[in-house]
PDB file of N, CA and C in Angstrom:
ATOM      1  N   UNK A   1      -7.676 -19.651  -5.988  1.00  0.00           N
ATOM      2  CA  UNK A   1      -6.970 -18.686  -6.059  1.00  0.00           C
ATOM      3  C   UNK A   1      -7.376 -17.271  -6.464  1.00  0.00           C
ATOM      4  N   UNK A   2      -8.188 -17.407  -7.519  1.00  0.00           N
ATOM      5  CA  UNK A   2      -8.949 -16.385  -8.215  1.00  0.00           C
ATOM      6  C   UNK A   2      -9.564 -15.285  -7.618  1.00  0.00           C
ATOM      7  N   UNK A   3     -10.124 -16.062  -6.573  1.00  0.00           N
ATOM      8  CA  UNK A   3     -11.162 -15.083  -5.569  1.00  0.00           C
ATOM      9  C   UNK A   3     -10.149 -14.238  -4.731  1.00  0.00           C
ATOM     10  N   UNK A   4      -9.008 -14.844  -4.280  1.00  0.00           N
ATOM     11  CA  UNK A   4      -8.126 -13.791  -3.527  1.00  0.00           C
ATOM     12  C   UNK A   4      -7.561 -12.900  -4.355  1.00  0.00           C
ATOM     13  N   UNK A   5      -7.236 -13.225  -5.699  1.00  0.00           N
ATOM     14  CA  UNK A   5      -6.792 -12.175  -6.707  1.00  0.00           C
ATOM     15  C   UNK A   5      -7.863 -11.093  -6.712  1.00  0.00           C
ATOM     16  N   UNK A   6      -9.187 -11.334  -6.703  1.00  0.00           N
ATOM     17  CA  UNK A   6     -10.264 -10.571  -7.069  1.00  0.00           C
ATOM     18  C   UNK A   6     -10.225  -9.461  -5.612  1.00  0.00           C
ATOM     19  N   UNK A   7     -10.120 -10.173  -4.471  1.00  0.00           N
ATOM     20  CA  UNK A   7     -10.137  -9.292  -3.131  1.00  0.00           C
ATOM     21  C   UNK A   7      -9.038  -8.361  -3.167  1.00  0.00           C
ATOM     22  N   UNK A   8      -7.834  -8.910  -3.657  1.00  0.00           N
ATOM     23  CA  UNK A   8      -6.607  -7.924  -3.721  1.00  0.00           C
ATOM     24  C   UNK A   8      -6.785  -6.771  -4.689  1.00  0.00           C
ATOM     25  N   UNK A   9      -7.451  -7.250  -5.894  1.00  0.00           N
ATOM     26  CA  UNK A   9      -7.653  -6.147  -6.742  1.00  0.00           C
ATOM     27  C   UNK A   9      -8.855  -4.904  -6.242  1.00  0.00           C
ATOM     28  N   UNK A  10      -9.487  -5.543  -5.496  1.00  0.00           N
ATOM     29  CA  UNK A  10     -10.633  -4.728  -4.856  1.00  0.00           C
ATOM     30  C   UNK A  10      -9.904  -3.629  -3.926  1.00  0.00           C
ATOM     31  N   UNK A  11      -8.819  -3.889  -2.900  1.00  0.00           N
ATOM     32  CA  UNK A  11      -7.956  -3.236  -2.237  1.00  0.00           C
ATOM     33  C   UNK A  11      -7.209  -2.114  -3.099  1.00  0.00           C
ATOM     34  N   UNK A  12      -6.738  -2.653  -4.344  1.00  0.00           N
ATOM     35  CA  UNK A  12      -6.377  -1.768  -5.319  1.00  0.00           C
ATOM     36  C   UNK A  12      -7.142  -0.829  -5.467  1.00  0.00           C
ATOM     37  N   UNK A  13      -8.584  -1.019  -5.895  1.00  0.00           N
ATOM     38  CA  UNK A  13      -9.461   0.094  -6.043  1.00  0.00           C
ATOM     39  C   UNK A  13      -9.821   0.858  -4.835  1.00  0.00           C
ATOM     40  N   UNK A  14      -9.875   0.302  -3.742  1.00  0.00           N
ATOM     41  CA  UNK A  14      -9.940   0.970  -2.525  1.00  0.00           C
ATOM     42  C   UNK A  14      -8.721   2.138  -2.264  1.00  0.00           C
ATOM     43  N   UNK A  15      -7.667   1.662  -2.201  1.00  0.00           N
ATOM     44  CA  UNK A  15      -6.375   2.516  -2.032  1.00  0.00           C
ATOM     45  C   UNK A  15      -6.359   3.342  -2.931  1.00  0.00           C
ATOM     46  N   UNK A  16      -6.645   3.336  -4.333  1.00  0.00           N
ATOM     47  CA  UNK A  16      -6.497   4.012  -5.402  1.00  0.00           C
ATOM     48  C   UNK A  16      -7.389   5.455  -5.230  1.00  0.00           C
ATOM     49  N   UNK A  17      -8.814   4.882  -4.717  1.00  0.00           N
ATOM     50  CA  UNK A  17      -9.825   6.084  -4.441  1.00  0.00           C
ATOM     51  C   UNK A  17      -9.118   6.924  -3.396  1.00  0.00           C
ATOM     52  N   UNK A  18      -8.624   6.219  -2.322  1.00  0.00           N
ATOM     53  CA  UNK A  18      -7.895   6.800  -0.943  1.00  0.00           C
ATOM     54  C   UNK A  18      -6.889   7.665  -1.542  1.00  0.00           C
ATOM     55  N   UNK A  19      -6.011   7.250  -2.403  1.00  0.00           N
ATOM     56  CA  UNK A  19      -5.105   8.190  -2.923  1.00  0.00           C
ATOM     57  C   UNK A  19      -5.391   9.355  -3.829  1.00  0.00           C
ATOM     58  N   UNK A  20      -6.597   9.102  -4.523  1.00  0.00           N
ATOM     59  CA  UNK A  20      -7.048  10.167  -5.323  1.00  0.00           C
ATOM     60  C   UNK A  20      -7.535  11.475  -4.313  1.00  0.00           C
ATOM     61  N   UNK A  21      -8.179  10.837  -3.076  1.00  0.00           N
ATOM     62  CA  UNK A  21      -8.360  11.898  -2.114  1.00  0.00           C
ATOM     63  C   UNK A  21      -7.074  12.676  -1.558  1.00  0.00           C
ATOM     64  N   UNK A  22      -6.228  11.719  -1.487  1.00  0.00           N
ATOM     65  CA  UNK A  22      -5.016  12.287  -0.561  1.00  0.00           C
ATOM     66  C   UNK A  22      -4.362  13.527  -1.560  1.00  0.00           C
ATOM     67  N   UNK A  23      -4.280  12.971  -2.779  1.00  0.00           N
ATOM     68  CA  UNK A  23      -3.640  13.689  -3.762  1.00  0.00           C
ATOM     69  C   UNK A  23      -4.631  15.215  -4.011  1.00  0.00           C
ATOM     70  N   UNK A  24      -5.580  15.015  -3.807  1.00  0.00           N
ATOM     71  CA  UNK A  24      -6.455  16.473  -3.995  1.00  0.00           C
ATOM     72  C   UNK A  24      -6.272  17.109  -2.866  1.00  0.00           C
ATOM     73  N   UNK A  25      -5.990  16.751  -1.528  1.00  0.00           N
ATOM     74  CA  UNK A  25      -5.444  17.435  -0.187  1.00  0.00           C
ATOM     75  C   UNK A  25      -4.211  18.092  -0.424  1.00  0.00           C
ATOM     76  N   UNK A  26      -3.326  17.496  -1.114  1.00  0.00           N
ATOM     77  CA  UNK A  26      -1.961  18.167  -1.127  1.00  0.00           C
ATOM     78  C   UNK A  26      -1.225  17.170  -2.365  1.00  0.00           C
ATOM     79  N   UNK A  27      -1.379  18.263  -3.498  1.00  0.00           N
ATOM     80  CA  UNK A  27      -0.736  17.662  -4.645  1.00  0.00           C
ATOM     81  C   UNK A  27       0.552  17.542  -4.882  1.00  0.00           C
ATOM     82  N   UNK A  28       1.267  16.607  -5.263  1.00  0.00           N
ATOM     83  CA  UNK A  28       2.506  16.030  -5.173  1.00  0.00           C
ATOM     84  C   UNK A  28       2.959  14.797  -6.372  1.00  0.00           C
ATOM     85  N   UNK A  29       4.027  14.930  -6.771  1.00  0.00           N
ATOM     86  CA  UNK A  29       4.400  13.670  -7.636  1.00  0.00           C
ATOM     87  C   UNK A  29       4.219  12.249  -6.999  1.00  0.00           C
ATOM     88  N   UNK A  30       4.827  12.363  -5.532  1.00  0.00           N
ATOM     89  CA  UNK A  30       4.750  11.099  -4.795  1.00  0.00           C
ATOM     90  C   UNK A  30       3.028  10.482  -4.682  1.00  0.00           C
ATOM     91  N   UNK A  31       2.328  11.423  -4.394  1.00  0.00           N
ATOM     92  CA  UNK A  31       0.677  10.965  -4.198  1.00  0.00           C
ATOM     93  C   UNK A  31       0.269  10.638  -5.699  1.00  0.00           C
ATOM     94  N   UNK A  32       0.884  11.401  -6.666  1.00  0.00           N
ATOM     95  CA  UNK A  32       0.433  11.148  -8.269  1.00  0.00           C
ATOM     96  C   UNK A  32       0.574   9.565  -8.381  1.00  0.00           C
ATOM     97  N   UNK A  33       1.941   9.330  -8.115  1.00  0.00           N
ATOM     98  CA  UNK A  33       2.574   8.051  -8.259  1.00  0.00           C
ATOM     99  C   UNK A  33       1.726   6.920  -7.476  1.00  0.00           C
ATOM    100  N   UNK A  34       1.435   7.329  -6.308  1.00  0.00           N
ATOM    101  CA  UNK A  34       0.527   6.347  -5.508  1.00  0.00           C
ATOM    102  C   UNK A  34      -0.723   5.912  -6.091  1.00  0.00           C
ATOM    103  N   UNK A  35      -1.272   6.944  -6.854  1.00  0.00           N
ATOM    104  CA  UNK A  35      -2.451   6.675  -7.639  1.00  0.00           C
ATOM    105  C   UNK A  35      -2.284   5.766  -8.690  1.00  0.00           C
ATOM    106  N   UNK A  36      -1.101   5.975  -9.500  1.00  0.00           N
ATOM    107  CA  UNK A  36      -0.976   5.019 -10.535  1.00  0.00           C
ATOM    108  C   UNK A  36      -0.518   3.684 -10.190  1.00  0.00           C
ATOM    109  N   UNK A  37       0.285   3.505  -9.130  1.00  0.00           N
ATOM    110  CA  UNK A  37       0.564   2.067  -8.641  1.00  0.00           C
ATOM    111  C   UNK A  37      -0.683   1.433  -7.942  1.00  0.00           C
ATOM    112  N   UNK A  38      -1.280   2.241  -7.287  1.00  0.00           N
ATOM    113  CA  UNK A  38      -2.580   1.132  -6.480  1.00  0.00           C
ATOM    114  C   UNK A  38      -3.558   0.780  -7.412  1.00  0.00           C
ATOM    115  N   UNK A  39      -3.995   1.878  -8.504  1.00  0.00           N
ATOM    116  CA  UNK A  39      -5.041   1.581  -9.586  1.00  0.00           C
ATOM    117  C   UNK A  39      -4.157   0.358 -10.299  1.00  0.00           C
ATOM    118  N   UNK A  40      -3.008   0.400 -10.830  1.00  0.00           N
ATOM    119  CA  UNK A  40      -2.162  -0.305 -11.655  1.00  0.00           C
ATOM    120  C   UNK A  40      -2.216  -1.741 -11.081  1.00  0.00           C
ATOM    121  N   UNK A  41      -1.627  -2.075  -9.885  1.00  0.00           N
ATOM    122  CA  UNK A  41      -1.983  -3.341  -8.976  1.00  0.00           C
ATOM    123  C   UNK A  41      -3.163  -3.669  -8.910  1.00  0.00           C
ATOM    124  N   UNK A  42      -4.403  -3.013  -8.905  1.00  0.00           N
ATOM    125  CA  UNK A  42      -5.478  -3.565  -8.967  1.00  0.00           C
ATOM    126  C   UNK A  42      -5.807  -4.019 -10.096  1.00  0.00           C
ATOM    127  N   UNK A  43      -5.627  -3.075 -11.446  1.00  0.00           N
ATOM    128  CA  UNK A  43      -6.080  -3.956 -12.438  1.00  0.00           C
ATOM    129  C   UNK A  43      -5.149  -5.243 -12.864  1.00  0.00           C
ATOM    130  N   UNK A  44      -3.857  -5.285 -12.585  1.00  0.00           N
ATOM    131  CA  UNK A  44      -3.216  -6.336 -12.774  1.00  0.00           C
ATOM    132  C   UNK A  44      -3.923  -7.738 -12.092  1.00  0.00           C
ATOM    133  N   UNK A  45      -4.347  -7.337 -10.726  1.00  0.00           N
ATOM    134  CA  UNK A  45      -4.983  -8.526 -10.112  1.00  0.00           C
ATOM    135  C   UNK A  45      -6.354  -8.586 -10.522  1.00  0.00           C
ATOM    136  N   UNK A  46      -7.077  -7.995 -10.943  1.00  0.00           N
ATOM    137  CA  UNK A  46      -8.440  -7.862 -11.779  1.00  0.00           C
ATOM    138  C   UNK A  46      -8.152  -8.769 -12.947  1.00  0.00           C
ATOM    139  N   UNK A  47      -7.035  -8.523 -13.700  1.00  0.00           N
ATOM    140  CA  UNK A  47      -6.963  -9.579 -15.172  1.00  0.00           C
ATOM    141  C   UNK A  47      -6.533 -10.880 -14.592  1.00  0.00           C
ATOM    142  N   UNK A  48      -5.914 -11.218 -13.164  1.00  0.00           N
ATOM    143  CA  UNK A  48      -5.545 -12.360 -13.014  1.00  0.00           C
ATOM    144  C   UNK A  48      -6.905 -13.368 -12.634  1.00  0.00           C
ATOM    145  N   UNK A  49      -7.655 -12.681 -11.747  1.00  0.00           N
ATOM    146  CA  UNK A  49      -8.821 -13.055 -11.104  1.00  0.00           C
ATOM    147  C   UNK A  49      -9.910 -13.151 -12.524  1.00  0.00           C
ATOM    148  N   UNK A  50      -9.749 -12.448 -13.652  1.00  0.00           N
ATOM    149  CA  UNK A  50     -10.800 -12.797 -14.587  1.00  0.00           C
ATOM    150  C   UNK A  50     -10.327 -13.767 -15.646  1.00  0.00           C
ATOM    151  N   UNK A  51      -9.159 -14.539 -15.181  1.00  0.00           N
ATOM    152  CA  UNK A  51      -8.982 -15.689 -15.866  1.00  0.00           C
ATOM    153  C   UNK A  51      -9.779 -16.911 -15.794  1.00  0.00           C
ATOM    154  N   UNK A  52     -10.197 -16.541 -14.376  1.00  0.00           N
ATOM    155  CA  UNK A  52     -11.381 -18.025 -13.852  1.00  0.00           C
ATOM    156  C   UNK A  52     -12.647 -17.858 -13.719  1.00  0.00           C
ATOM    157  N   UNK A  53     -12.754 -16.402 -13.179  1.00  0.00           N
ATOM    158  CA  UNK A  53     -13.997 -15.579 -12.848  1.00  0.00           C
ATOM    159  C   UNK A  53     -14.862 -15.136 -14.028  1.00  0.00           C
ATOM    160  N   UNK A  54     -16.014 -15.393 -14.453  1.00  0.00           N
ATOM    161  CA  UNK A  54     -16.683 -14.625 -15.423  1.00  0.00           C
ATOM    162  C   UNK A  54     -16.532 -13.184 -15.319  1.00  0.00           C
ATOM    163  N   UNK A  55     -16.318 -12.359 -16.398  1.00  0.00           N
ATOM    164  CA  UNK A  55     -16.326 -11.209 -16.641  1.00  0.00           C
ATOM    165  C   UNK A  55     -17.435 -10.285 -15.557  1.00  0.00           C
ATOM    166  N   UNK A  56     -18.595 -10.231 -15.850  1.00  0.00           N
ATOM    167  CA  UNK A  56     -19.833  -9.937 -15.146  1.00  0.00           C
ATOM    168  C   UNK A  56     -19.690 -10.088 -13.491  1.00  0.00           C
ATOM    169  N   UNK A  57     -19.284 -11.229 -13.079  1.00  0.00           N
ATOM    170  CA  UNK A  57     -19.147 -11.549 -11.947  1.00  0.00           C
ATOM    171  C   UNK A  57     -17.853 -10.734 -11.274  1.00  0.00           C
ATOM    172  N   UNK A  58     -17.081 -10.740 -11.902  1.00  0.00           N
ATOM    173  CA  UNK A  58     -15.461 -10.288 -11.447  1.00  0.00           C
ATOM    174  C   UNK A  58     -15.859  -8.695 -11.222  1.00  0.00           C
ATOM    175  N   UNK A  59     -16.260  -8.219 -12.299  1.00  0.00           N
ATOM    176  CA  UNK A  59     -16.463  -6.564 -12.292  1.00  0.00           C
ATOM    177  C   UNK A  59     -17.673  -6.367 -11.132  1.00  0.00           C
ATOM    178  N   UNK A  60     -18.504  -6.917 -11.131  1.00  0.00           N
ATOM    179  CA  UNK A  60     -19.522  -6.528 -10.321  1.00  0.00           C
ATOM    180  C   UNK A  60     -19.066  -6.426  -8.570  1.00  0.00           C
ATOM    181  N   UNK A  61     -18.303  -7.745  -8.661  1.00  0.00           N
ATOM    182  CA  UNK A  61     -17.625  -7.867  -7.130  1.00  0.00           C
ATOM    183  C   UNK A  61     -16.617  -6.945  -6.866  1.00  0.00           C
ATOM    184  N   UNK A  62     -15.467  -6.592  -7.865  1.00  0.00           N
ATOM    185  CA  UNK A  62     -14.648  -5.596  -7.575  1.00  0.00           C
ATOM    186  C   UNK A  62     -15.406  -4.313  -7.498  1.00  0.00           C
ATOM    187  N   UNK A  63     -16.074  -3.850  -8.393  1.00  0.00           N
ATOM    188  CA  UNK A  63     -16.679  -2.545  -8.086  1.00  0.00           C
ATOM    189  C   UNK A  63     -17.398  -2.444  -6.796  1.00  0.00           C
ATOM    190  N   UNK A  64     -18.133  -3.613  -6.610  1.00  0.00           N
ATOM    191  CA  UNK A  64     -18.997  -3.368  -5.022  1.00  0.00           C
ATOM    192  C   UNK A  64     -17.901  -3.338  -3.856  1.00  0.00           C
ATOM    193  N   UNK A  65     -16.822  -4.130  -3.869  1.00  0.00           N
ATOM    194  CA  UNK A  65     -16.025  -4.271  -2.859  1.00  0.00           C
ATOM    195  C   UNK A  65     -15.246  -2.941  -2.725  1.00  0.00           C
ATOM    196  N   UNK A  66     -14.853  -2.461  -3.857  1.00  0.00           N
ATOM    197  CA  UNK A  66     -14.090  -1.343  -3.958  1.00  0.00           C
ATOM    198  C   UNK A  66     -14.983   0.009  -3.352  1.00  0.00           C
ATOM    199  N   UNK A  67     -16.255  -0.215  -4.112  1.00  0.00           N
ATOM    200  CA  UNK A  67     -17.518   1.265  -3.370  1.00  0.00           C
ATOM    201  C   UNK A  67     -17.487   0.962  -1.764  1.00  0.00           C
ATOM    202  N   UNK A  68     -17.931  -0.077  -1.457  1.00  0.00           N
ATOM    203  CA  UNK A  68     -17.955  -0.315  -0.051  1.00  0.00           C
ATOM    204  C   UNK A  68     -16.551  -0.080   0.898  1.00  0.00           C
ATOM    205  N   UNK A  69     -15.765  -0.563   0.203  1.00  0.00           N
ATOM    206  CA  UNK A  69     -14.172  -0.015   0.951  1.00  0.00           C
ATOM    207  C   UNK A  69     -13.872   1.322   0.934  1.00  0.00           C
ATOM    208  N   UNK A  70     -14.420   1.944  -0.213  1.00  0.00           N
ATOM    209  CA  UNK A  70     -14.236   3.512  -0.145  1.00  0.00           C
ATOM    210  C   UNK A  70     -14.868   4.271   0.757  1.00  0.00           C
ATOM    211  N   UNK A  71     -16.418   3.808   0.853  1.00  0.00           N
ATOM    212  CA  UNK A  71     -17.051   4.407   1.998  1.00  0.00           C
ATOM    213  C   UNK A  71     -16.798   4.320   3.223  1.00  0.00           C
ATOM    214  N   UNK A  72     -16.275   2.986   3.543  1.00  0.00           N
ATOM    215  CA  UNK A  72     -15.911   2.817   4.951  1.00  0.00           C
ATOM    216  C   UNK A  72     -14.414   3.730   5.119  1.00  0.00           C
ATOM    217  N   UNK A  73     -13.592   3.697   4.189  1.00  0.00           N
ATOM    218  CA  UNK A  73     -12.433   4.446   4.453  1.00  0.00           C
ATOM    219  C   UNK A  73     -12.729   6.119   4.617  1.00  0.00           C
ATOM    220  N   UNK A  74     -13.767   6.610   3.765  1.00  0.00           N
ATOM    221  CA  UNK A  74     -14.287   7.823   3.804  1.00  0.00           C
ATOM    222  C   UNK A  74     -14.892   8.057   5.349  1.00  0.00           C
ATOM    223  N   UNK A  75     -15.498   7.198   5.879  1.00  0.00           N
ATOM    224  CA  UNK A  75     -16.285   7.345   7.139  1.00  0.00           C
ATOM    225  C   UNK A  75     -14.933   7.341   8.370  1.00  0.00           C
ATOM    226  N   UNK A  76     -13.862   6.365   8.176  1.00  0.00           N
ATOM    227  CA  UNK A  76     -12.916   6.395   9.187  1.00  0.00           C
ATOM    228  C   UNK A  76     -11.645   7.296   8.832  1.00  0.00           C
ATOM    229  N   UNK A  77     -11.462   7.781   7.956  1.00  0.00           N
ATOM    230  CA  UNK A  77     -10.337   8.620   7.689  1.00  0.00           C
ATOM    231  C   UNK A  77     -10.637  10.071   7.378  1.00  0.00           C
ATOM    232  N   UNK A  78     -11.697  10.236   6.832  1.00  0.00           N
ATOM    233  CA  UNK A  78     -12.195  11.558   6.106  1.00  0.00           C
ATOM    234  C   UNK A  78     -13.420  12.193   6.673  1.00  0.00           C
ATOM    235  N   UNK A  79     -13.955  11.673   8.004  1.00  0.00           N
ATOM    236  CA  UNK A  79     -15.014  12.073   8.592  1.00  0.00           C
ATOM    237  C   UNK A  79     -16.372  12.469   7.791  1.00  0.00           C
ATOM    238  N   UNK A  80     -16.385  11.298   7.058  1.00  0.00           N
ATOM    239  CA  UNK A  80     -17.637  11.376   6.115  1.00  0.00           C
ATOM    240  C   UNK A  80     -18.742  10.849   7.198  1.00  0.00           C
ATOM    241  N   UNK A  81     -20.000  11.190   6.544  1.00  0.00           N
ATOM    242  CA  UNK A  81     -21.147  10.643   7.390  1.00  0.00           C
ATOM    243  C   UNK A  81     -21.376   9.214   7.474  1.00  0.00           C
ATOM    244  N   UNK A  82     -21.756   8.861   8.662  1.00  0.00           N
ATOM    245  CA  UNK A  82     -21.932   7.153   8.876  1.00  0.00           C
ATOM    246  C   UNK A  82     -23.630   7.066   9.342  1.00  0.00           C
ATOM    247  N   UNK A  83     -24.262   7.798   8.591  1.00  0.00           N
ATOM    248  CA  UNK A  83     -25.708   7.516   8.801  1.00  0.00           C
ATOM    249  C   UNK A  83     -26.235   6.259   8.615  1.00  0.00           C
ATOM    250  N   UNK A  84     -27.235   5.886   9.182  1.00  0.00           N
ATOM    251  CA  UNK A  84     -27.978   4.783   9.066  1.00  0.00           C
ATOM    252  C   UNK A  84     -28.412   4.435   7.870  1.00  0.00           C
ATOM    253  N   UNK A  85     -28.461   5.296   6.722  1.00  0.00           N
ATOM    254  CA  UNK A  85     -28.885   4.790   5.352  1.00  0.00           C
ATOM    255  C   UNK A  85     -27.876   4.575   4.558  1.00  0.00           C
ATOM    256  N   UNK A  86     -26.580   5.091   4.848  1.00  0.00           N
ATOM    257  CA  UNK A  86     -25.426   4.827   4.217  1.00  0.00           C
ATOM    258  C   UNK A  86     -25.061   3.584   4.513  1.00  0.00           C
ATOM    259  N   UNK A  87     -24.908   3.205   5.934  1.00  0.00           N
ATOM    260  CA  UNK A  87     -24.913   1.622   6.516  1.00  0.00           C
ATOM    261  C   UNK A  87     -25.514   0.889   5.775  1.00  0.00           C
ATOM    262  N   UNK A  88     -26.940   1.018   5.906  1.00  0.00           N
ATOM    263  CA  UNK A  88     -27.884   0.083   5.508  1.00  0.00           C
ATOM    264  C   UNK A  88     -27.406  -0.188   3.696  1.00  0.00           C
ATOM    265  N   UNK A  89     -27.204   0.754   2.991  1.00  0.00           N
ATOM    266  CA  UNK A  89     -27.017   0.525   1.577  1.00  0.00           C
ATOM    267  C   UNK A  89     -25.636  -0.144   1.351  1.00  0.00           C
ATOM    268  N   UNK A  90     -24.618   0.387   2.442  1.00  0.00           N
ATOM    269  CA  UNK A  90     -23.280  -0.437   2.419  1.00  0.00           C
ATOM    270  C   UNK A  90     -23.445  -1.823   2.590  1.00  0.00           C
ATOM    271  N   UNK A  91     -24.361  -2.127   3.290  1.00  0.00           N
ATOM    272  CA  UNK A  91     -24.633  -3.734   3.667  1.00  0.00           C
ATOM    273  C   UNK A  91     -25.395  -4.305   2.535  1.00  0.00           C
ATOM    274  N   UNK A  92     -26.253  -3.784   1.794  1.00  0.00           N
ATOM    275  CA  UNK A  92     -26.683  -3.881   0.498  1.00  0.00           C
ATOM    276  C   UNK A  92     -25.811  -4.437  -0.152  1.00  0.00           C
ATOM    277  N   UNK A  93     -24.569  -3.601  -0.761  1.00  0.00           N
ATOM    278  CA  UNK A  93     -23.662  -3.796  -1.631  1.00  0.00           C
ATOM    279  C   UNK A  93     -22.702  -5.177  -1.047  1.00  0.00           C
ATOM    280  N   UNK A  94     -22.423  -4.963   0.010  1.00  0.00           N
ATOM    281  CA  UNK A  94     -21.597  -6.450   0.415  1.00  0.00           C
ATOM    282  C   UNK A  94     -22.597  -7.517   0.424  1.00  0.00           C
ATOM    283  N   UNK A  95     -23.691  -7.636   0.736  1.00  0.00           N
ATOM    284  CA  UNK A  95     -24.551  -8.879   0.409  1.00  0.00           C
ATOM    285  C   UNK A  95     -24.760  -9.218  -0.903  1.00  0.00           C
ATOM    286  N   UNK A  96     -24.674  -8.059  -1.714  1.00  0.00           N
ATOM    287  CA  UNK A  96     -24.678  -8.368  -3.238  1.00  0.00           C
ATOM    288  C   UNK A  96     -23.364  -9.339  -3.700  1.00  0.00           C
ATOM    289  N   UNK A  97     -22.367  -8.883  -3.328  1.00  0.00           N
ATOM    290  CA  UNK A  97     -21.040  -9.306  -3.506  1.00  0.00           C
ATOM    291  C   UNK A  97     -20.892 -10.746  -3.049  1.00  0.00           C
ATOM    292  N   UNK A  98     -21.367 -10.954  -1.898  1.00  0.00           N
ATOM    293  CA  UNK A  98     -21.380 -12.216  -1.297  1.00  0.00           C
ATOM    294  C   UNK A  98     -22.331 -13.428  -1.848  1.00  0.00           C
ATOM    295  N   UNK A  99     -23.384 -12.697  -2.364  1.00  0.00           N
ATOM    296  CA  UNK A  99     -24.458 -13.551  -3.242  1.00  0.00           C
ATOM    297  C   UNK A  99     -23.897 -13.991  -4.675  1.00  0.00           C
ATOM    298  N   UNK A 100     -23.072 -13.083  -5.046  1.00  0.00           N
ATOM    299  CA  UNK A 100     -22.611 -13.399  -6.511  1.00  0.00           C
ATOM    300  C   UNK A 100     -21.327 -14.475  -6.185  1.00  0.00           C
ATOM    301  N   UNK A 101     -20.871 -14.147  -5.203  1.00  0.00           N
ATOM    302  CA  UNK A 101     -19.413 -15.229  -4.759  1.00  0.00           C
ATOM    303  C   UNK A 101     -20.307 -16.675  -4.602  1.00  0.00           C
ATOM    304  N   UNK A 102     -21.362 -16.779  -3.869  1.00  0.00           N
ATOM    305  CA  UNK A 102     -21.837 -17.983  -3.412  1.00  0.00           C
ATOM    306  C   UNK A 102     -22.817 -18.896  -4.643  1.00  0.00           C
ATOM    307  N   UNK A 103     -23.289 -17.995  -5.759  1.00  0.00           N
ATOM    308  CA  UNK A 103     -23.946 -17.968  -6.811  1.00  0.00           C
ATOM    309  C   UNK A 103     -22.777 -18.465  -8.011  1.00  0.00           C
ATOM    310  N   UNK A 104     -21.779 -17.950  -8.006  1.00  0.00           N
ATOM    311  CA  UNK A 104     -20.715 -17.990  -9.047  1.00  0.00           C
ATOM    312  C   UNK A 104     -19.662 -19.041  -8.834  1.00  0.00           C
TER     313      UNK A 104
END
């Protein structure tokens, strides 16, 4: 179950960063609260995951999946570059996260 918590925590990171971008486009209390809620839930689930997953592994996977998800969201919703170099290194991040899961 702790790995499910870690994936949910990563979604909190992804949607938190997405919320920051939305807030910067149009500042409002609702969007500011969205930042607080998404990051807050991400931290709650990260703490649940870290009860059984070692700190280094949990943090590396959380940040890796969060970064990869933020890149994908940027490409899909904010017209950011999807060049082959970005995709290559995105694949490296995901491969590293999967490797930590398999070895952890």
